[in-house]
Amino acid sequence: MHQLEISFFYPLTEQISLDLDFTPSEEWIADWRKRQSNTTTLSGSFLISNGGTGTISWAQPVQPQTNFVIRPTEKSVGSWEITTGTFIYKPTKPNAVIRFMAKYLLGFKWHDEN
C-alpha cells in the first residue's frame, strides 16, 4: 500500500500576512456611536391599504432600550409585544388559542389595556 501526496493550490498551503490597517474604520465607528447617543423622538403617519389612516411613532432614548410602537387606530384593547420595546396595538383581542400559540411558537406576548 502506498500513500499518495496531494499537492494543493498555493493559496491553500501558505498564508501571507497582509498587514491591513483598520484604524480609520474604527475611528468612524466610534464617531458614529457618539452621534447616535443623542436623544431623538420621531413620529409620522401612514396610509393603510383599506383607506384608513394610522399613526406610527418611535423613540430612541439614551438608554440602550428603544421603543417602537405601531398603533393603526386610536382605540385598542391591547397590544402584542413582539420584542422588548416593540408593540403592535390591536382593536380586537385575539382568542385564547391564538394568544397561546403566538406565545409558544413565536414568543409574542399579549398585553391587555387597562
N, C-alpha and C. Protein backbone atom coordinates (compact mmCIF):
# COMPACT_ATOMS: atom_id res chain seq x y z
N MET A 1 0.84 -1.16 0.00
CA MET A 1 0.00 0.00 0.00
C MET A 1 0.90 1.24 0.00
N HIS A 2 0.50 2.22 -0.81
CA HIS A 2 1.31 3.42 -0.97
C HIS A 2 0.41 4.65 -0.76
N GLN A 3 0.86 5.59 0.06
CA GLN A 3 0.08 6.79 0.34
C GLN A 3 0.44 7.86 -0.68
N LEU A 4 -0.61 8.45 -1.28
CA LEU A 4 -0.40 9.49 -2.27
C LEU A 4 -0.29 10.85 -1.60
N GLU A 5 0.60 11.66 -2.10
CA GLU A 5 0.72 13.02 -1.60
C GLU A 5 -0.05 13.94 -2.53
N ILE A 6 -0.93 14.75 -1.96
CA ILE A 6 -1.75 15.65 -2.76
C ILE A 6 -1.11 17.03 -2.71
N SER A 7 -0.83 17.58 -3.87
CA SER A 7 -0.27 18.93 -3.89
C SER A 7 -1.42 19.92 -4.05
N PHE A 8 -1.58 20.78 -3.04
CA PHE A 8 -2.67 21.73 -3.04
C PHE A 8 -2.29 22.99 -3.81
N PHE A 9 -3.32 23.73 -4.19
CA PHE A 9 -3.13 25.01 -4.83
C PHE A 9 -2.41 25.95 -3.85
N TYR A 10 -1.54 26.80 -4.31
CA TYR A 10 -0.67 27.63 -3.49
C TYR A 10 -1.39 28.40 -2.37
N PRO A 11 -2.53 29.10 -2.62
CA PRO A 11 -3.16 29.86 -1.52
C PRO A 11 -3.67 28.98 -0.39
N LEU A 12 -3.88 27.70 -0.63
CA LEU A 12 -4.38 26.83 0.43
C LEU A 12 -3.26 26.32 1.32
N THR A 13 -2.03 26.41 0.88
CA THR A 13 -0.94 25.85 1.66
C THR A 13 -0.14 26.88 2.44
N GLU A 14 -0.16 28.13 2.03
CA GLU A 14 0.64 29.14 2.70
C GLU A 14 -0.18 30.40 2.92
N GLN A 15 -0.17 30.89 4.16
CA GLN A 15 -0.90 32.10 4.49
C GLN A 15 0.08 33.26 4.55
N ILE A 16 -0.24 34.33 3.85
CA ILE A 16 0.61 35.51 3.81
C ILE A 16 -0.04 36.60 4.64
N SER A 17 0.73 37.23 5.50
CA SER A 17 0.22 38.34 6.30
C SER A 17 0.02 39.56 5.40
N LEU A 18 -1.17 40.18 5.48
CA LEU A 18 -1.50 41.31 4.61
C LEU A 18 -1.22 42.66 5.25
N ASP A 19 -0.99 42.71 6.55
CA ASP A 19 -0.72 43.96 7.28
C ASP A 19 -1.76 45.03 6.98
N LEU A 20 -3.04 44.71 7.19
CA LEU A 20 -4.12 45.65 6.95
C LEU A 20 -4.27 46.58 8.15
N ASP A 21 -4.62 47.83 7.89
CA ASP A 21 -4.79 48.83 8.93
C ASP A 21 -6.26 49.22 9.01
N PHE A 22 -6.93 48.90 10.13
CA PHE A 22 -8.35 49.17 10.28
C PHE A 22 -8.64 50.39 11.16
N THR A 23 -7.64 51.18 11.51
CA THR A 23 -7.88 52.30 12.42
C THR A 23 -8.82 53.35 11.87
N PRO A 24 -8.83 53.70 10.56
CA PRO A 24 -9.82 54.69 10.10
C PRO A 24 -11.25 54.21 10.28
N SER A 25 -11.51 52.94 10.03
CA SER A 25 -12.88 52.45 10.20
C SER A 25 -13.25 52.36 11.67
N GLU A 26 -12.32 52.03 12.55
CA GLU A 26 -12.62 52.00 13.98
C GLU A 26 -12.92 53.41 14.50
N GLU A 27 -12.19 54.41 14.00
CA GLU A 27 -12.47 55.79 14.39
C GLU A 27 -13.84 56.23 13.89
N TRP A 28 -14.21 55.82 12.69
CA TRP A 28 -15.52 56.17 12.14
C TRP A 28 -16.63 55.55 12.98
N ILE A 29 -16.47 54.29 13.39
CA ILE A 29 -17.48 53.61 14.21
C ILE A 29 -17.63 54.33 15.56
N ALA A 30 -16.51 54.72 16.17
CA ALA A 30 -16.58 55.43 17.45
C ALA A 30 -17.29 56.77 17.29
N ASP A 31 -17.02 57.49 16.20
CA ASP A 31 -17.68 58.76 15.93
C ASP A 31 -19.17 58.55 15.67
N TRP A 32 -19.53 57.51 14.92
CA TRP A 32 -20.93 57.19 14.62
C TRP A 32 -21.69 56.87 15.89
N ARG A 33 -21.10 56.08 16.79
CA ARG A 33 -21.75 55.75 18.06
C ARG A 33 -21.96 56.99 18.92
N LYS A 34 -21.00 57.92 18.88
CA LYS A 34 -21.14 59.15 19.64
C LYS A 34 -22.30 59.98 19.11
N ARG A 35 -22.45 60.05 17.76
CA ARG A 35 -23.57 60.80 17.18
C ARG A 35 -24.90 60.12 17.45
N GLN A 36 -24.94 58.79 17.54
CA GLN A 36 -26.18 58.06 17.78
C GLN A 36 -26.64 58.15 19.23
N SER A 37 -25.77 58.57 20.15
CA SER A 37 -26.15 58.61 21.55
C SER A 37 -27.09 59.77 21.87
N ASN A 38 -27.29 60.71 20.96
CA ASN A 38 -28.21 61.82 21.18
C ASN A 38 -29.64 61.31 21.22
N THR A 39 -30.49 61.93 22.04
CA THR A 39 -31.89 61.54 22.14
C THR A 39 -32.66 62.11 20.97
N THR A 40 -33.40 61.23 20.26
CA THR A 40 -34.25 61.69 19.16
C THR A 40 -35.62 61.06 19.31
N THR A 41 -36.65 61.81 19.01
CA THR A 41 -38.01 61.32 19.02
C THR A 41 -38.64 61.66 17.69
N LEU A 42 -39.18 60.66 17.02
CA LEU A 42 -39.78 60.86 15.71
C LEU A 42 -41.21 60.34 15.72
N SER A 43 -42.04 60.88 14.86
CA SER A 43 -43.39 60.37 14.69
C SER A 43 -43.84 60.69 13.28
N GLY A 44 -44.86 59.98 12.83
CA GLY A 44 -45.37 60.21 11.49
C GLY A 44 -46.69 59.49 11.31
N SER A 45 -47.23 59.58 10.13
CA SER A 45 -48.47 58.87 9.83
C SER A 45 -48.32 58.16 8.51
N PHE A 46 -49.17 57.17 8.28
CA PHE A 46 -49.11 56.39 7.07
C PHE A 46 -50.51 56.05 6.62
N LEU A 47 -50.69 55.64 5.39
CA LEU A 47 -51.98 55.27 4.83
C LEU A 47 -52.07 53.77 4.74
N ILE A 48 -53.12 53.19 5.33
CA ILE A 48 -53.34 51.75 5.29
C ILE A 48 -54.05 51.42 3.99
N SER A 49 -53.82 50.21 3.44
CA SER A 49 -54.33 49.86 2.11
C SER A 49 -55.86 49.87 2.02
N ASN A 50 -56.58 49.74 3.13
CA ASN A 50 -58.03 49.76 3.06
C ASN A 50 -58.61 51.18 3.09
N GLY A 51 -57.74 52.18 3.05
CA GLY A 51 -58.21 53.55 3.00
C GLY A 51 -58.17 54.26 4.33
N GLY A 52 -57.94 53.54 5.42
CA GLY A 52 -57.87 54.18 6.73
C GLY A 52 -56.50 54.79 6.95
N THR A 53 -56.40 55.56 7.98
CA THR A 53 -55.10 56.14 8.32
C THR A 53 -54.69 55.65 9.69
N GLY A 54 -53.44 55.63 9.92
CA GLY A 54 -52.92 55.22 11.22
C GLY A 54 -51.71 56.04 11.55
N THR A 55 -51.24 55.94 12.75
CA THR A 55 -50.05 56.68 13.15
C THR A 55 -48.99 55.70 13.61
N ILE A 56 -47.78 56.10 13.44
CA ILE A 56 -46.66 55.28 13.89
C ILE A 56 -45.69 56.21 14.62
N SER A 57 -45.17 55.77 15.72
CA SER A 57 -44.23 56.61 16.45
C SER A 57 -43.16 55.72 17.07
N TRP A 58 -42.00 56.28 17.23
CA TRP A 58 -40.94 55.56 17.88
C TRP A 58 -40.04 56.56 18.57
N ALA A 59 -39.28 56.09 19.52
CA ALA A 59 -38.38 56.96 20.26
C ALA A 59 -37.07 56.23 20.46
N GLN A 60 -36.00 56.96 20.46
CA GLN A 60 -34.69 56.39 20.73
C GLN A 60 -34.10 57.11 21.92
N PRO A 61 -34.33 56.58 23.13
CA PRO A 61 -33.77 57.24 24.31
C PRO A 61 -32.27 56.98 24.41
N VAL A 62 -31.66 57.64 25.37
CA VAL A 62 -30.22 57.47 25.57
C VAL A 62 -29.92 56.06 26.07
N GLN A 63 -30.84 55.46 26.82
CA GLN A 63 -30.65 54.10 27.30
C GLN A 63 -30.62 53.15 26.11
N PRO A 64 -30.03 51.95 26.28
CA PRO A 64 -29.95 51.00 25.16
C PRO A 64 -31.31 50.46 24.73
N GLN A 65 -32.33 50.52 25.59
CA GLN A 65 -33.64 50.02 25.21
C GLN A 65 -34.36 51.05 24.34
N THR A 66 -34.89 50.62 23.19
CA THR A 66 -35.64 51.52 22.31
C THR A 66 -37.08 51.05 22.24
N ASN A 67 -37.99 51.97 21.94
CA ASN A 67 -39.40 51.65 21.81
C ASN A 67 -39.84 51.87 20.38
N PHE A 68 -40.59 50.92 19.85
CA PHE A 68 -41.17 51.04 18.53
C PHE A 68 -42.62 50.63 18.66
N VAL A 69 -43.54 51.54 18.36
CA VAL A 69 -44.97 51.30 18.58
C VAL A 69 -45.71 51.49 17.27
N ILE A 70 -46.57 50.53 16.92
CA ILE A 70 -47.47 50.66 15.78
C ILE A 70 -48.89 50.67 16.33
N ARG A 71 -49.61 51.77 16.10
CA ARG A 71 -50.98 51.92 16.59
C ARG A 71 -51.84 52.34 15.41
N PRO A 72 -52.47 51.36 14.68
CA PRO A 72 -53.24 51.68 13.49
C PRO A 72 -54.51 52.50 13.77
N THR A 73 -55.14 52.32 14.91
CA THR A 73 -56.33 53.08 15.26
C THR A 73 -56.15 53.67 16.66
N GLU A 74 -56.97 54.66 16.97
CA GLU A 74 -56.88 55.28 18.30
C GLU A 74 -57.41 54.34 19.38
N LYS A 75 -58.43 53.54 19.05
CA LYS A 75 -58.99 52.59 20.02
C LYS A 75 -58.22 51.28 19.92
N SER A 76 -57.83 50.78 21.08
CA SER A 76 -57.17 49.47 21.10
C SER A 76 -57.50 48.79 22.42
N VAL A 77 -57.63 47.47 22.36
CA VAL A 77 -57.93 46.70 23.56
C VAL A 77 -56.68 46.09 24.17
N GLY A 78 -55.61 46.09 23.41
CA GLY A 78 -54.37 45.52 23.91
C GLY A 78 -53.29 45.58 22.85
N SER A 79 -52.16 44.97 23.15
CA SER A 79 -51.06 45.01 22.20
C SER A 79 -50.25 43.72 22.26
N TRP A 80 -49.62 43.42 21.13
CA TRP A 80 -48.65 42.33 21.06
C TRP A 80 -47.29 42.93 21.35
N GLU A 81 -46.53 42.27 22.21
CA GLU A 81 -45.14 42.66 22.43
C GLU A 81 -44.28 41.70 21.61
N ILE A 82 -43.78 42.19 20.48
CA ILE A 82 -43.02 41.36 19.57
C ILE A 82 -41.63 41.08 20.13
N THR A 83 -40.92 42.12 20.48
CA THR A 83 -39.64 42.01 21.19
C THR A 83 -39.68 43.02 22.32
N THR A 84 -38.65 43.10 23.10
CA THR A 84 -38.62 44.06 24.20
C THR A 84 -38.67 45.47 23.62
N GLY A 85 -39.73 46.19 23.94
CA GLY A 85 -39.88 47.57 23.48
C GLY A 85 -40.57 47.71 22.13
N THR A 86 -41.01 46.63 21.50
CA THR A 86 -41.70 46.69 20.20
C THR A 86 -43.13 46.22 20.41
N PHE A 87 -44.10 47.12 20.19
CA PHE A 87 -45.51 46.82 20.44
C PHE A 87 -46.34 47.09 19.20
N ILE A 88 -47.32 46.21 18.96
CA ILE A 88 -48.31 46.42 17.91
C ILE A 88 -49.68 46.39 18.58
N TYR A 89 -50.39 47.52 18.56
CA TYR A 89 -51.69 47.62 19.20
C TYR A 89 -52.77 47.12 18.26
N LYS A 90 -53.77 46.40 18.83
CA LYS A 90 -54.85 45.81 18.03
C LYS A 90 -56.19 46.28 18.58
N PRO A 91 -57.18 46.51 17.67
CA PRO A 91 -58.51 46.94 18.13
C PRO A 91 -59.35 45.80 18.70
N THR A 92 -59.02 44.56 18.39
CA THR A 92 -59.77 43.41 18.91
C THR A 92 -58.81 42.46 19.60
N LYS A 93 -59.31 41.78 20.63
CA LYS A 93 -58.48 40.86 21.39
C LYS A 93 -58.52 39.48 20.72
N PRO A 94 -57.38 38.86 20.45
CA PRO A 94 -57.38 37.53 19.88
C PRO A 94 -57.85 36.50 20.90
N ASN A 95 -58.37 35.38 20.40
CA ASN A 95 -58.87 34.38 21.34
C ASN A 95 -57.71 33.68 22.05
N ALA A 96 -58.04 32.86 23.04
CA ALA A 96 -57.03 32.25 23.90
C ALA A 96 -56.10 31.31 23.14
N VAL A 97 -56.60 30.62 22.13
CA VAL A 97 -55.76 29.70 21.36
C VAL A 97 -54.71 30.48 20.57
N ILE A 98 -55.13 31.58 19.94
CA ILE A 98 -54.19 32.41 19.18
C ILE A 98 -53.12 32.99 20.11
N ARG A 99 -53.54 33.50 21.28
CA ARG A 99 -52.58 34.07 22.22
C ARG A 99 -51.58 33.02 22.70
N PHE A 100 -52.09 31.80 23.01
CA PHE A 100 -51.21 30.74 23.50
C PHE A 100 -50.22 30.31 22.42
N MET A 101 -50.70 30.10 21.18
CA MET A 101 -49.83 29.64 20.11
C MET A 101 -48.82 30.72 19.71
N ALA A 102 -49.23 31.99 19.74
CA ALA A 102 -48.30 33.07 19.41
C ALA A 102 -47.18 33.14 20.45
N LYS A 103 -47.53 32.94 21.71
CA LYS A 103 -46.50 32.96 22.75
C LYS A 103 -45.62 31.72 22.68
N TYR A 104 -46.25 30.56 22.44
CA TYR A 104 -45.50 29.30 22.43
C TYR A 104 -44.61 29.18 21.20
N LEU A 105 -45.13 29.52 20.02
CA LEU A 105 -44.37 29.34 18.78
C LEU A 105 -43.49 30.54 18.42
N LEU A 106 -44.00 31.75 18.61
CA LEU A 106 -43.29 32.94 18.15
C LEU A 106 -42.67 33.77 19.27
N GLY A 107 -43.12 33.55 20.50
CA GLY A 107 -42.61 34.34 21.62
C GLY A 107 -43.28 35.69 21.77
N PHE A 108 -44.43 35.91 21.09
CA PHE A 108 -45.16 37.16 21.20
C PHE A 108 -45.97 37.14 22.49
N LYS A 109 -46.02 38.26 23.21
CA LYS A 109 -46.79 38.35 24.45
C LYS A 109 -47.95 39.32 24.23
N TRP A 110 -49.13 38.96 24.72
CA TRP A 110 -50.30 39.82 24.62
C TRP A 110 -50.44 40.60 25.91
N HIS A 111 -50.66 41.91 25.82
CA HIS A 111 -50.88 42.78 26.98
C HIS A 111 -52.23 43.46 26.80
N ASP A 112 -53.13 43.29 27.80
CA ASP A 112 -54.43 43.96 27.77
C ASP A 112 -54.27 45.41 28.22
N GLU A 113 -55.08 46.31 27.61
CA GLU A 113 -55.12 47.71 28.03
C GLU A 113 -55.96 47.79 29.29
N ASN A 114 -55.54 48.57 30.23
CA ASN A 114 -56.30 48.73 31.46
C ASN A 114 -56.81 50.14 31.61
